[in-house]
Amino acid sequence: MLQSIYIKNYVLIEQLEIDFDPNMTVFTGETGAGKSITIGALSLALGGRGDTTVIGAFGDSCEVVTTFQVANQPEVQQWLKQQDMAADNELIIRRTLNDQGRSKLWINGSPVPAHLVRDLGRFLVQIHGQHDQIKLLNSSTQRELLDRSGDYEDLLASTGQAANNINKIEQQLVALTQQGSLSEEQRQLLDYQLQELHELDLKTDEYDQLHNDLSRADNAQTIQETYSYALEMLDNDDAAISHQLAQLLHKLKHLKGENTEEITVMLDEALINVQEAAQLISDRAENFDDDPQVRAGIEQRLERIAHIARKQGVRPELLLDHQTQLEQQLSQHDSQAQAQKQLQQKLSEARTSYTEICQQLSQARQQAAHALAEKITELVRQLGLPEADLKITVEPIPASGKTVSTHGLDRIQFTIAVNKGQSHQLLSKTASGGELSRICLAIEVVGQNQDHATFVFDEVDTGIGGGTAEKVGRIMRRLSEQHQVFAVTHLPQVAGQAHDHILVSKSSDDSQSFTRSAIQHLSRDQRIQELARMSGGETITEATLAQAEEFLTTG
């Protein structure tokens, strides 16, 4: 419930603070006095769009402070807790806007962005103006009204979750495709290359070893000659190094009068090494094969390796690494293909589940549509259209396989036949503006969100009068028994129903050439005068005063 509002330098308002009745309040005044300015300031405070044109002539910035009583609004309390804000019974929203277009907002003293205030505002106030009639002609708004009236919140939630699940799987499929899976031609080429490499059966370090073997074959004669010379030097006759070392050791070991142990140990090790080296050279010389066919086999193997490397566009020494990369690429492709197949299966199952849930939602909507249409029709008939008949059609739309909607697969339309014998037409085809105003008011009242504490009707009664206007006023008053109601009106029949009456007037300051709006609560006598003015114009007679008092007494 809106307790009070403080406005400073907003349009024609220099400064004011006003408290509000918890039930029904009306704003009246001459045309152009600024009856809707307070509503505009309230909208600004709740995060509505504001530009520098709303800043008045009394300073370089404007300010609006609203105070709400939210003790009986658990959703507001929960919202505040989720935002880590103090969940007191009193809620204060403040907004400032300067001539540079910079805006600031606070909730209970904490600075917040505008989108958070707008999010909170949907629990606090619902504003209906003449432009909202256009919004009510929109199919999405009509769907929201229908869904708000039905008892199938779980189905709505399940539909949204099912749609989000489909979108998530589709995004995963797109991401998988963007990772670069192979075409069928690319995969066939990869298979062929791997088959060549597997047939080649290249071993680790084989390429380098082949080059070493070829180098040995090229130097076979030199190697053999060197091995023969080495054996002669080391161990083949009495002049060989091993024989000479052995003789030297014998003499040193039998030398008297001198300690030669350290020397003989070293020479023993040298003799052992010489003997082992001679044996190793002998083995290599014995196993050395300088057969020309061996050399030819090495050259053929190297040529085969070079041929495969040229075909696959890599250096021969990198063929094994290339083979590993191809194997990894093929494995990744096969994994992606398997993952894609699994995702396609999941997508098919998700779409089936989504369609089933949408069918259940459509059935629930059709039941709710019949009940809601009857309630709106009843109220429309009370508003002076006794033959009116409103229908709400719920038309299931076949799933197209394209992007799904979190709202299901229904096309929802409100149609009405205003007079008996007429065919039903879309609300947008309703000829009379007054008829449309009454129909939209009935839809707003019947389809009201029970979570809102405050409803604002900004000249929604345009185009009606007489007994119908009185019925509109009674409906608003009846609504105010459960919710706070504000109405900007030009109809005395509506104004007479209010619990509180606020008069908006404007005056000019000749000294400063400023025009100001003034707002005041009216006493009973003042209300009679204002209702008489609204009924009879500038000339107020006893008859208009009597009629005004009747409006007030009836209210």
Protein backbone atom coordinates (compact mmCIF):
# COMPACT_ATOMS: atom_id res chain seq x y z
CA MET A 1 0.00 0.00 0.00
CA LEU A 2 1.27 3.46 -0.93
CA GLN A 3 1.35 5.56 2.24
CA SER A 4 2.79 8.80 0.94
CA ILE A 5 4.70 10.46 -1.84
CA TYR A 6 7.12 13.39 -1.77
CA ILE A 7 7.67 15.26 -5.04
CA LYS A 8 10.14 18.06 -5.70
CA ASN A 9 10.53 20.00 -8.96
CA TYR A 10 8.68 17.48 -11.12
CA VAL A 11 6.94 19.06 -14.15
CA LEU A 12 4.59 21.68 -12.60
CA ILE A 13 5.03 20.57 -9.00
CA GLU A 14 7.49 22.71 -7.06
CA GLN A 15 7.32 20.69 -3.86
CA LEU A 16 4.67 18.66 -2.06
CA GLU A 17 4.19 15.74 0.26
CA ILE A 18 0.89 13.94 0.43
CA ASP A 19 -0.50 11.01 2.43
CA PHE A 20 -2.98 8.56 0.93
CA ASP A 21 -6.08 6.68 2.01
CA PRO A 22 -5.71 2.89 2.11
CA ASN A 23 -8.87 2.37 0.04
CA MET A 24 -10.03 4.45 -2.96
CA THR A 25 -8.65 7.86 -3.87
CA VAL A 26 -9.59 9.97 -6.91
CA PHE A 27 -7.72 12.83 -8.56
CA THR A 28 -9.84 15.45 -10.31
CA GLY A 29 -9.29 18.92 -11.69
CA GLU A 30 -9.60 21.14 -14.73
CA THR A 31 -8.21 19.95 -18.03
CA GLY A 32 -4.49 20.64 -18.09
CA ALA A 33 -4.21 21.06 -14.34
CA GLY A 34 -1.90 18.10 -14.12
CA LYS A 35 -4.10 15.34 -12.71
CA SER A 36 -1.76 12.65 -14.05
CA ILE A 37 1.44 14.31 -12.84
CA THR A 38 1.38 12.49 -9.50
CA ILE A 39 0.92 9.19 -11.34
CA GLY A 40 3.85 10.07 -13.56
CA ALA A 41 6.01 10.84 -10.54
CA LEU A 42 5.04 7.50 -8.99
CA SER A 43 5.99 5.72 -12.20
CA LEU A 44 9.34 7.53 -12.22
CA ALA A 45 10.06 6.45 -8.65
CA LEU A 46 9.32 2.84 -9.57
CA GLY A 47 12.04 2.80 -12.22
CA GLY A 48 10.02 4.14 -15.15
CA ARG A 49 11.70 5.96 -17.99
CA GLY A 50 12.59 9.53 -17.14
CA ASP A 51 14.32 12.22 -19.16
CA THR A 52 15.21 15.83 -18.44
CA THR A 53 11.88 17.09 -19.79
CA VAL A 54 10.18 16.09 -16.50
CA ILE A 55 12.46 18.39 -14.48
CA GLY A 56 10.49 21.46 -13.47
CA ALA A 57 11.45 25.12 -13.66
CA PHE A 58 12.22 25.37 -9.95
CA GLY A 59 15.72 23.83 -9.96
CA ASP A 60 18.19 21.76 -11.93
CA SER A 61 17.03 18.36 -10.63
CA CYS A 62 13.90 16.58 -9.50
CA GLU A 63 13.28 14.12 -6.67
CA VAL A 64 10.50 11.64 -5.85
CA VAL A 65 10.25 9.66 -2.61
CA THR A 66 7.56 7.00 -2.14
CA THR A 67 6.74 5.22 1.10
CA PHE A 68 4.92 1.88 1.07
CA GLN A 69 3.45 -0.22 3.85
CA VAL A 70 4.37 -3.82 2.96
CA ALA A 71 3.62 -5.70 6.20
CA ASN A 72 1.01 -7.83 4.42
CA GLN A 73 2.98 -8.42 1.23
CA PRO A 74 5.09 -11.57 1.70
CA GLU A 75 6.40 -11.47 -1.88
CA VAL A 76 7.89 -8.02 -1.28
CA GLN A 77 9.44 -9.23 1.97
CA GLN A 78 10.91 -12.25 0.19
CA TRP A 79 12.25 -10.07 -2.64
CA LEU A 80 14.00 -7.77 -0.17
CA LYS A 81 15.60 -10.73 1.60
CA GLN A 82 16.85 -12.13 -1.71
CA GLN A 83 18.52 -8.79 -2.38
CA ASP A 84 20.06 -8.74 1.12
CA MET A 85 18.01 -5.69 2.08
CA ALA A 86 16.27 -5.03 5.37
CA ALA A 87 12.75 -6.49 5.13
CA ASP A 88 10.94 -3.93 7.29
CA ASN A 89 7.22 -3.25 7.20
CA GLU A 90 7.95 0.14 5.67
CA LEU A 91 9.55 0.42 2.23
CA ILE A 92 11.02 3.69 0.96
CA ILE A 93 11.99 4.17 -2.69
CA ARG A 94 13.77 7.38 -3.68
CA ARG A 95 14.79 8.62 -7.11
CA THR A 96 16.61 11.73 -8.29
CA LEU A 97 17.18 12.99 -11.83
CA ASN A 98 19.42 15.94 -12.78
CA ASP A 99 19.55 18.16 -15.84
CA GLN A 100 22.46 16.09 -17.22
CA GLY A 101 20.16 13.10 -17.46
CA ARG A 102 21.85 11.26 -14.58
CA SER A 103 19.48 9.27 -12.43
CA LYS A 104 19.96 7.63 -9.03
CA LEU A 105 17.70 5.23 -7.14
CA TRP A 106 17.62 3.98 -3.56
CA ILE A 107 15.62 1.27 -1.79
CA ASN A 108 15.55 1.76 1.98
CA GLY A 109 18.67 3.90 1.67
CA SER A 110 20.65 1.42 -0.45
CA PRO A 111 21.60 2.53 -3.99
CA VAL A 112 20.23 0.17 -6.65
CA PRO A 113 19.99 0.02 -10.47
CA ALA A 114 16.71 0.91 -12.15
CA HIS A 115 15.98 -2.63 -13.33
CA LEU A 116 15.87 -3.84 -9.72
CA VAL A 117 13.36 -1.16 -8.80
CA ARG A 118 11.22 -2.08 -11.80
CA ASP A 119 11.39 -5.71 -10.71
CA LEU A 120 10.24 -4.76 -7.20
CA GLY A 121 7.60 -2.39 -8.56
CA ARG A 122 5.63 -5.21 -10.16
CA PHE A 123 4.73 -6.38 -6.63
CA LEU A 124 3.76 -2.90 -5.44
CA VAL A 125 1.72 -1.06 -8.05
CA GLN A 126 -0.17 -1.84 -11.23
CA ILE A 127 -0.82 1.22 -13.35
CA HIS A 128 -3.56 1.19 -15.99
CA GLY A 129 -3.84 4.08 -18.39
CA GLN A 130 -5.51 4.71 -21.72
CA HIS A 131 -2.39 3.37 -23.45
CA ASP A 132 -2.81 0.11 -21.51
CA GLN A 133 -5.94 -0.56 -23.56
CA ILE A 134 -3.61 -0.99 -26.52
CA LYS A 135 -1.49 -3.37 -24.48
CA LEU A 136 -4.57 -5.43 -23.62
CA LEU A 137 -5.12 -5.99 -27.33
CA ASN A 138 -1.75 -7.74 -27.51
CA SER A 139 -1.89 -11.53 -27.59
CA SER A 140 0.97 -11.92 -25.10
CA THR A 141 -0.83 -9.69 -22.58
CA GLN A 142 -4.01 -11.69 -23.06
CA ARG A 143 -2.06 -14.90 -22.51
CA GLU A 144 -0.61 -13.50 -19.27
CA LEU A 145 -4.11 -12.54 -18.06
CA LEU A 146 -5.42 -16.01 -18.79
CA ASP A 147 -2.48 -17.76 -17.14
CA ARG A 148 -2.78 -15.53 -14.09
CA SER A 149 -6.39 -16.60 -13.66
CA GLY A 150 -5.74 -20.34 -13.98
CA ASP A 151 -4.62 -22.83 -11.38
CA TYR A 152 -1.80 -24.43 -13.36
CA GLU A 153 1.37 -22.74 -12.17
CA ASP A 154 3.20 -26.09 -12.10
CA LEU A 155 2.38 -26.71 -15.75
CA LEU A 156 3.61 -23.25 -16.71
CA ALA A 157 6.84 -23.86 -14.82
CA SER A 158 7.27 -27.30 -16.42
CA THR A 159 6.66 -25.83 -19.88
CA GLY A 160 9.32 -23.18 -19.31
CA GLN A 161 11.79 -25.78 -18.02
CA ALA A 162 11.11 -28.09 -20.98
CA ALA A 163 11.63 -25.25 -23.46
CA ASN A 164 14.84 -24.17 -21.74
CA ASN A 165 16.06 -27.77 -21.83
CA ILE A 166 15.52 -27.91 -25.60
CA ASN A 167 17.36 -24.63 -26.09
CA LYS A 168 20.23 -25.88 -23.93
CA ILE A 169 20.61 -29.09 -25.96
CA GLU A 170 20.48 -27.13 -29.23
CA GLN A 171 23.22 -24.82 -27.96
CA GLN A 172 25.34 -27.87 -27.09
CA LEU A 173 24.85 -29.23 -30.60
CA VAL A 174 25.90 -25.90 -32.11
CA ALA A 175 28.99 -25.79 -29.88
CA LEU A 176 29.87 -29.37 -30.86
CA THR A 177 29.57 -28.51 -34.55
CA GLN A 178 31.78 -25.45 -34.10
CA GLN A 179 34.54 -27.66 -32.67
CA GLY A 180 35.24 -28.79 -36.23
CA SER A 181 33.94 -32.29 -36.88
CA LEU A 182 35.13 -34.01 -40.07
CA SER A 183 33.15 -34.41 -43.25
CA GLU A 184 32.74 -37.90 -44.69
CA GLU A 185 35.37 -37.16 -47.38
CA GLN A 186 37.81 -35.90 -44.74
CA ARG A 187 37.27 -38.98 -42.62
CA GLN A 188 37.87 -41.32 -45.60
CA LEU A 189 41.13 -39.53 -46.38
CA LEU A 190 42.18 -39.80 -42.74
CA ASP A 191 41.42 -43.54 -42.73
CA TYR A 192 43.48 -44.03 -45.90
CA GLN A 193 46.45 -42.13 -44.51
CA LEU A 194 46.38 -44.09 -41.28
CA GLN A 195 46.19 -47.38 -43.20
CA GLU A 196 49.33 -46.37 -45.15
CA LEU A 197 51.14 -45.54 -41.93
CA HIS A 198 50.05 -48.75 -40.23
CA GLU A 199 51.28 -50.75 -43.22
CA LEU A 200 54.57 -48.85 -43.11
CA ASP A 201 54.87 -49.90 -39.46
CA LEU A 202 57.55 -47.35 -38.68
CA LYS A 203 59.33 -48.00 -35.37
CA THR A 204 60.54 -45.44 -32.86
CA ASP A 205 63.97 -44.03 -33.94
CA GLU A 206 63.95 -46.34 -36.98
CA TYR A 207 64.50 -43.49 -39.44
CA ASP A 208 67.62 -42.29 -37.63
CA GLN A 209 68.92 -45.85 -37.25
CA LEU A 210 68.49 -46.51 -40.97
CA HIS A 211 70.58 -43.47 -41.77
CA ASN A 212 73.25 -44.73 -39.38
CA ASP A 213 73.18 -48.17 -41.03
CA LEU A 214 73.47 -46.59 -44.46
CA SER A 215 76.42 -44.55 -43.28
CA ARG A 216 78.12 -47.78 -42.05
CA ALA A 217 77.50 -49.45 -45.38
CA ASP A 218 79.07 -46.49 -47.18
CA ASN A 219 82.20 -46.82 -44.96
CA ALA A 220 82.38 -50.63 -44.82
CA GLN A 221 85.97 -50.98 -46.10
CA THR A 222 87.32 -48.28 -43.79
CA ILE A 223 85.52 -49.82 -40.84
CA GLN A 224 86.90 -53.29 -41.52
CA GLU A 225 90.45 -51.98 -41.99
CA THR A 226 90.21 -49.97 -38.78
CA TYR A 227 88.89 -52.95 -36.80
CA SER A 228 91.78 -55.16 -38.10
CA TYR A 229 94.38 -52.55 -37.27
CA ALA A 230 92.87 -52.10 -33.79
CA LEU A 231 92.96 -55.84 -33.06
CA GLU A 232 96.60 -56.06 -34.14
CA MET A 233 97.48 -53.14 -31.89
CA LEU A 234 95.58 -54.45 -28.89
CA ASP A 235 95.86 -58.23 -28.76
CA ASN A 236 97.04 -60.15 -31.85
CA ASP A 237 100.80 -60.75 -31.19
CA ASP A 238 103.54 -60.35 -28.61
CA ALA A 239 103.99 -56.70 -29.54
CA ALA A 240 100.32 -55.91 -28.84
CA ILE A 241 99.43 -53.46 -26.12
CA SER A 242 97.82 -56.13 -23.94
CA HIS A 243 100.95 -58.29 -23.99
CA GLN A 244 103.20 -55.36 -23.20
CA LEU A 245 100.96 -54.25 -20.30
CA ALA A 246 101.00 -57.75 -18.89
CA GLN A 247 104.80 -57.90 -18.97
CA LEU A 248 105.06 -54.47 -17.36
CA LEU A 249 102.71 -55.49 -14.58
CA HIS A 250 104.75 -58.61 -13.89
CA LYS A 251 107.94 -56.60 -13.46
CA LEU A 252 106.35 -53.95 -11.26
CA LYS A 253 104.70 -56.49 -9.01
CA HIS A 254 108.06 -58.25 -8.42
CA LEU A 255 110.09 -55.11 -7.98
CA LYS A 256 111.80 -55.17 -4.58
CA GLY A 257 112.42 -52.20 -2.36
CA GLU A 258 109.61 -50.11 -3.88
CA ASN A 259 105.83 -49.95 -3.19
CA THR A 260 104.17 -50.17 -6.63
CA GLU A 261 100.68 -51.23 -5.49
CA GLU A 262 98.92 -48.04 -6.54
CA ILE A 263 100.54 -48.17 -9.97
CA THR A 264 99.79 -51.85 -10.51
CA VAL A 265 96.11 -51.38 -9.59
CA MET A 266 95.78 -48.74 -12.26
CA LEU A 267 97.60 -50.84 -14.84
CA ASP A 268 95.45 -53.88 -13.97
CA GLU A 269 92.34 -51.82 -14.74
CA ALA A 270 93.93 -50.59 -17.98
CA LEU A 271 94.76 -54.14 -19.01
CA ILE A 272 91.19 -55.27 -18.33
CA ASN A 273 89.77 -52.37 -20.38
CA VAL A 274 92.16 -53.09 -23.28
CA GLN A 275 91.18 -56.77 -23.29
CA GLU A 276 87.43 -55.91 -23.18
CA ALA A 277 87.83 -53.37 -25.98
CA ALA A 278 89.68 -55.93 -28.08
CA GLN A 279 86.89 -58.47 -27.55
CA LEU A 280 84.21 -55.90 -28.47
CA ILE A 281 86.07 -54.93 -31.65
CA SER A 282 86.47 -58.59 -32.52
CA ASP A 283 82.75 -59.22 -32.08
CA ARG A 284 81.81 -56.24 -34.25
CA ALA A 285 84.30 -57.20 -36.95
CA GLU A 286 82.91 -60.73 -36.95
CA ASN A 287 79.28 -59.56 -37.18
CA PHE A 288 79.90 -56.74 -39.63
CA ASP A 289 77.95 -57.38 -42.82
CA ASP A 290 78.95 -55.46 -45.89
CA ASP A 291 76.64 -57.41 -48.20
CA PRO A 292 75.41 -55.10 -51.04
CA GLN A 293 71.88 -56.54 -50.67
CA VAL A 294 71.72 -55.26 -47.09
CA ARG A 295 72.62 -51.80 -48.31
CA ALA A 296 69.96 -52.04 -51.04
CA GLY A 297 67.35 -53.05 -48.42
CA ILE A 298 68.22 -50.02 -46.30
CA GLU A 299 67.93 -47.68 -49.27
CA GLN A 300 64.56 -49.17 -50.26
CA ARG A 301 63.21 -48.76 -46.72
CA LEU A 302 64.35 -45.13 -46.59
CA GLU A 303 62.80 -44.45 -49.99
CA ARG A 304 59.50 -45.97 -48.86
CA ILE A 305 59.47 -43.77 -45.77
CA ALA A 306 60.30 -40.65 -47.84
CA HIS A 307 57.54 -41.51 -50.35
CA ILE A 308 54.85 -41.78 -47.65
CA ALA A 309 56.10 -38.58 -46.01
CA ARG A 310 55.83 -36.68 -49.31
CA LYS A 311 52.29 -37.94 -49.92
CA GLN A 312 51.13 -36.90 -46.46
CA GLY A 313 52.98 -33.59 -46.50
CA VAL A 314 55.30 -34.04 -43.53
CA ARG A 315 59.03 -34.50 -43.01
CA PRO A 316 60.11 -38.17 -42.77
CA GLU A 317 61.44 -37.79 -39.24
CA LEU A 318 57.98 -36.51 -38.16
CA LEU A 319 55.93 -39.38 -39.59
CA LEU A 320 55.38 -41.07 -36.22
CA ASP A 321 54.17 -37.79 -34.65
CA HIS A 322 51.91 -37.29 -37.67
CA GLN A 323 50.46 -40.76 -37.20
CA THR A 324 49.70 -40.00 -33.55
CA GLN A 325 47.94 -36.75 -34.53
CA LEU A 326 45.81 -38.53 -37.13
CA GLU A 327 44.82 -41.20 -34.63
CA GLN A 328 43.84 -38.51 -32.10
CA GLN A 329 41.88 -36.59 -34.73
CA LEU A 330 39.99 -39.71 -35.76
CA SER A 331 39.28 -40.58 -32.13
CA GLN A 332 38.03 -37.05 -31.46
CA HIS A 333 35.80 -37.18 -34.55
CA ASP A 334 34.34 -40.51 -33.52
CA SER A 335 33.75 -39.16 -29.99
CA GLN A 336 32.06 -36.05 -31.39
CA ALA A 337 29.92 -38.15 -33.70
CA GLN A 338 28.86 -40.31 -30.77
CA ALA A 339 28.19 -37.25 -28.61
CA GLN A 340 26.21 -35.65 -31.44
CA LYS A 341 24.16 -38.80 -31.85
CA GLN A 342 23.43 -38.86 -28.12
CA LEU A 343 22.47 -35.16 -28.13
CA GLN A 344 20.17 -35.69 -31.12
CA GLN A 345 18.49 -38.48 -29.19
CA LYS A 346 18.17 -36.26 -26.11
CA LEU A 347 16.77 -33.46 -28.28
CA SER A 348 14.16 -35.78 -29.76
CA GLU A 349 13.12 -36.95 -26.29
CA ALA A 350 13.08 -33.35 -24.99
CA ARG A 351 10.83 -32.24 -27.86
CA THR A 352 8.46 -35.13 -27.25
CA SER A 353 8.29 -34.25 -23.56
CA TYR A 354 7.78 -30.56 -24.40
CA THR A 355 4.91 -31.36 -26.77
CA GLU A 356 3.21 -33.53 -24.15
CA ILE A 357 3.48 -30.82 -21.49
CA CYS A 358 2.19 -28.20 -23.94
CA GLN A 359 -0.84 -30.38 -24.65
CA GLN A 360 -1.58 -30.60 -20.94
CA LEU A 361 -1.11 -26.82 -20.60
CA SER A 362 -3.43 -26.22 -23.55
CA GLN A 363 -6.17 -28.31 -21.92
CA ALA A 364 -5.76 -26.44 -18.63
CA ARG A 365 -5.90 -23.12 -20.48
CA GLN A 366 -9.11 -24.07 -22.27
CA GLN A 367 -10.81 -24.80 -18.96
CA ALA A 368 -9.51 -21.56 -17.41
CA ALA A 369 -10.49 -19.59 -20.53
CA HIS A 370 -14.15 -20.58 -20.19
CA ALA A 371 -14.30 -19.55 -16.52
CA LEU A 372 -12.43 -16.24 -17.08
CA ALA A 373 -14.56 -15.34 -20.10
CA GLU A 374 -17.76 -15.81 -18.06
CA LYS A 375 -16.46 -13.51 -15.28
CA ILE A 376 -15.42 -10.79 -17.73
CA THR A 377 -18.69 -11.07 -19.65
CA GLU A 378 -20.68 -10.68 -16.44
CA LEU A 379 -18.78 -7.54 -15.50
CA VAL A 380 -18.94 -6.06 -19.02
CA ARG A 381 -22.73 -6.48 -18.95
CA GLN A 382 -22.86 -4.62 -15.63
CA LEU A 383 -20.97 -1.77 -17.33
CA GLY A 384 -23.80 -1.00 -19.73
CA LEU A 385 -23.32 -3.63 -22.43
CA PRO A 386 -26.10 -6.08 -21.50
CA GLU A 387 -25.84 -8.15 -24.69
CA ALA A 388 -22.06 -8.43 -24.70
CA ASP A 389 -20.46 -11.86 -24.86
CA LEU A 390 -16.69 -12.25 -24.49
CA LYS A 391 -14.91 -15.44 -25.48
CA ILE A 392 -11.33 -16.57 -25.01
CA THR A 393 -10.08 -18.99 -27.62
CA VAL A 394 -7.09 -21.24 -27.02
CA GLU A 395 -5.79 -22.59 -30.33
CA PRO A 396 -2.95 -25.14 -30.12
CA ILE A 397 -0.19 -24.48 -32.64
CA PRO A 398 1.63 -27.55 -34.02
CA ALA A 399 5.29 -27.71 -33.02
CA SER A 400 7.37 -26.57 -36.01
CA GLY A 401 10.73 -27.89 -34.85
CA LYS A 402 12.10 -24.37 -34.64
CA THR A 403 12.85 -22.34 -31.54
CA VAL A 404 10.36 -23.25 -28.84
CA SER A 405 8.50 -20.87 -26.55
CA THR A 406 8.63 -21.01 -22.77
CA HIS A 407 4.91 -20.11 -22.86
CA GLY A 408 3.80 -23.20 -24.73
CA LEU A 409 2.25 -23.73 -28.16
CA ASP A 410 -1.08 -21.90 -27.87
CA ARG A 411 -2.45 -18.89 -29.73
CA ILE A 412 -4.76 -17.08 -27.27
CA GLN A 413 -7.26 -14.47 -28.43
CA PHE A 414 -9.95 -12.44 -26.68
CA THR A 415 -13.00 -11.87 -28.90
CA ILE A 416 -16.31 -10.17 -28.15
CA ALA A 417 -19.76 -9.70 -29.62
CA VAL A 418 -21.04 -6.42 -28.20
CA ASN A 419 -24.62 -6.72 -29.46
CA LYS A 420 -26.96 -9.66 -29.78
CA GLY A 421 -26.75 -11.35 -33.16
CA GLN A 422 -23.28 -10.00 -33.93
CA SER A 423 -20.38 -12.30 -34.67
CA HIS A 424 -17.43 -12.33 -32.31
CA GLN A 425 -14.57 -10.02 -33.27
CA LEU A 426 -11.11 -9.31 -31.93
CA LEU A 427 -11.02 -6.56 -29.32
CA SER A 428 -9.06 -4.42 -31.77
CA LYS A 429 -12.06 -4.53 -34.12
CA THR A 430 -14.45 -3.10 -31.49
CA ALA A 431 -15.80 0.09 -33.06
CA SER A 432 -16.59 2.30 -30.06
CA GLY A 433 -13.84 3.76 -27.91
CA GLY A 434 -16.23 3.87 -24.98
CA GLU A 435 -17.08 0.23 -25.41
CA LEU A 436 -13.40 -0.68 -25.57
CA SER A 437 -12.72 1.31 -22.38
CA ARG A 438 -15.40 -0.62 -20.48
CA ILE A 439 -14.29 -3.98 -21.85
CA CYS A 440 -10.67 -3.31 -20.96
CA LEU A 441 -11.62 -2.09 -17.48
CA ALA A 442 -13.57 -5.30 -16.90
CA ILE A 443 -10.61 -7.37 -18.09
CA GLU A 444 -8.26 -5.42 -15.81
CA VAL A 445 -10.48 -5.82 -12.76
CA VAL A 446 -11.30 -9.50 -13.28
CA GLY A 447 -7.77 -10.37 -14.32
CA GLN A 448 -6.14 -8.41 -11.51
CA ASN A 449 -3.01 -9.77 -9.90
CA GLN A 450 -3.99 -10.46 -6.30
CA ASP A 451 -0.39 -9.94 -5.23
CA HIS A 452 -0.60 -6.22 -5.96
CA ALA A 453 -1.51 -3.92 -3.11
CA THR A 454 -2.18 -0.82 -5.23
CA PHE A 455 -4.03 -0.28 -8.51
CA VAL A 456 -3.89 2.98 -10.47
CA PHE A 457 -6.49 3.80 -13.14
CA ASP A 458 -5.43 6.82 -15.19
CA GLU A 459 -8.51 8.05 -17.11
CA VAL A 460 -9.53 4.55 -18.16
CA ASP A 461 -13.16 5.70 -17.97
CA THR A 462 -12.82 7.93 -21.03
CA GLY A 463 -15.76 7.66 -23.41
CA ILE A 464 -18.43 6.62 -20.90
CA GLY A 465 -20.92 8.49 -18.74
CA GLY A 466 -24.28 8.38 -17.03
CA GLY A 467 -25.33 5.20 -15.26
CA THR A 468 -22.41 3.30 -16.76
CA ALA A 469 -20.01 5.75 -15.16
CA GLU A 470 -21.63 5.12 -11.79
CA LYS A 471 -21.19 1.38 -12.31
CA VAL A 472 -17.52 1.91 -13.15
CA GLY A 473 -17.12 3.86 -9.92
CA ARG A 474 -18.81 1.12 -7.92
CA ILE A 475 -16.54 -1.51 -9.43
CA MET A 476 -13.47 0.52 -8.48
CA ARG A 477 -14.84 1.00 -4.96
CA ARG A 478 -15.53 -2.70 -4.67
CA LEU A 479 -11.96 -3.39 -5.76
CA SER A 480 -10.71 -1.00 -3.07
CA GLU A 481 -12.19 -3.23 -0.37
CA GLN A 482 -9.27 -5.59 -1.00
CA HIS A 483 -6.70 -3.30 -2.63
CA GLN A 484 -5.72 0.33 -2.57
CA VAL A 485 -7.13 2.10 -5.66
CA PHE A 486 -6.20 5.41 -7.29
CA ALA A 487 -8.26 6.84 -10.13
CA VAL A 488 -7.63 9.89 -12.28
CA THR A 489 -11.10 10.73 -13.59
CA HIS A 490 -13.28 13.40 -15.11
CA LEU A 491 -16.52 11.65 -14.12
CA PRO A 492 -18.38 12.81 -11.00
CA GLN A 493 -20.11 9.43 -10.78
CA VAL A 494 -16.69 7.80 -10.33
CA ALA A 495 -15.30 10.52 -8.06
CA GLY A 496 -18.32 10.28 -5.76
CA GLN A 497 -17.46 6.64 -4.98
CA ALA A 498 -14.03 7.46 -3.54
CA HIS A 499 -13.05 7.39 0.12
CA ASP A 500 -10.67 10.32 -0.46
CA HIS A 501 -10.87 13.07 -3.06
CA ILE A 502 -7.78 15.03 -4.17
CA LEU A 503 -8.14 18.18 -6.26
CA VAL A 504 -5.36 19.17 -8.65
CA SER A 505 -5.19 22.79 -9.71
CA LYS A 506 -2.60 25.07 -11.26
CA SER A 507 -1.73 28.73 -10.90
CA SER A 508 0.70 31.15 -12.49
CA ASP A 509 3.26 33.31 -10.71
CA ASP A 510 3.36 36.53 -12.71
CA SER A 511 6.51 37.73 -11.00
CA GLN A 512 8.54 34.71 -12.11
CA SER A 513 6.36 33.50 -14.98
CA PHE A 514 6.12 30.05 -13.37
CA THR A 515 3.08 27.75 -13.51
CA ARG A 516 2.59 25.51 -10.50
CA SER A 517 0.33 22.58 -9.77
CA ALA A 518 -1.26 22.36 -6.35
CA ILE A 519 -2.78 19.29 -4.72
CA GLN A 520 -5.19 19.24 -1.80
CA HIS A 521 -7.48 16.81 0.04
CA LEU A 522 -11.09 17.97 -0.15
CA SER A 523 -13.53 18.13 2.73
CA ARG A 524 -17.09 16.95 2.22
CA ASP A 525 -18.34 20.43 1.30
CA GLN A 526 -15.40 20.95 -1.03
CA ARG A 527 -16.09 17.60 -2.67
CA ILE A 528 -19.71 18.63 -3.32
CA GLN A 529 -18.48 21.83 -4.99
CA GLU A 530 -15.98 19.89 -7.14
CA LEU A 531 -18.53 17.26 -8.13
CA ALA A 532 -20.96 20.02 -9.06
CA ARG A 533 -18.27 21.62 -11.23
CA MET A 534 -17.59 18.30 -12.90
CA SER A 535 -21.34 17.85 -13.53
CA GLY A 536 -22.42 21.30 -14.61
CA GLY A 537 -19.36 23.21 -15.72
CA GLU A 538 -18.58 26.77 -14.65
CA THR A 539 -22.17 27.65 -13.64
CA ILE A 540 -23.05 25.82 -10.46
CA THR A 541 -26.76 25.75 -9.62
CA GLU A 542 -28.77 24.34 -6.79
CA ALA A 543 -29.65 21.45 -9.07
CA THR A 544 -26.02 20.60 -9.80
CA LEU A 545 -25.16 20.90 -6.09
CA ALA A 546 -28.02 18.55 -5.23
CA GLN A 547 -26.87 16.12 -7.87
CA ALA A 548 -23.30 16.35 -6.59
CA GLU A 549 -24.44 15.59 -3.05
CA GLU A 550 -26.36 12.62 -4.40
CA PHE A 551 -23.21 11.34 -6.11
CA LEU A 552 -21.37 11.64 -2.82
CA THR A 553 -24.16 10.10 -0.75
CA THR A 554 -24.45 7.19 -3.14
CA GLY A 555 -20.72 6.64 -2.88
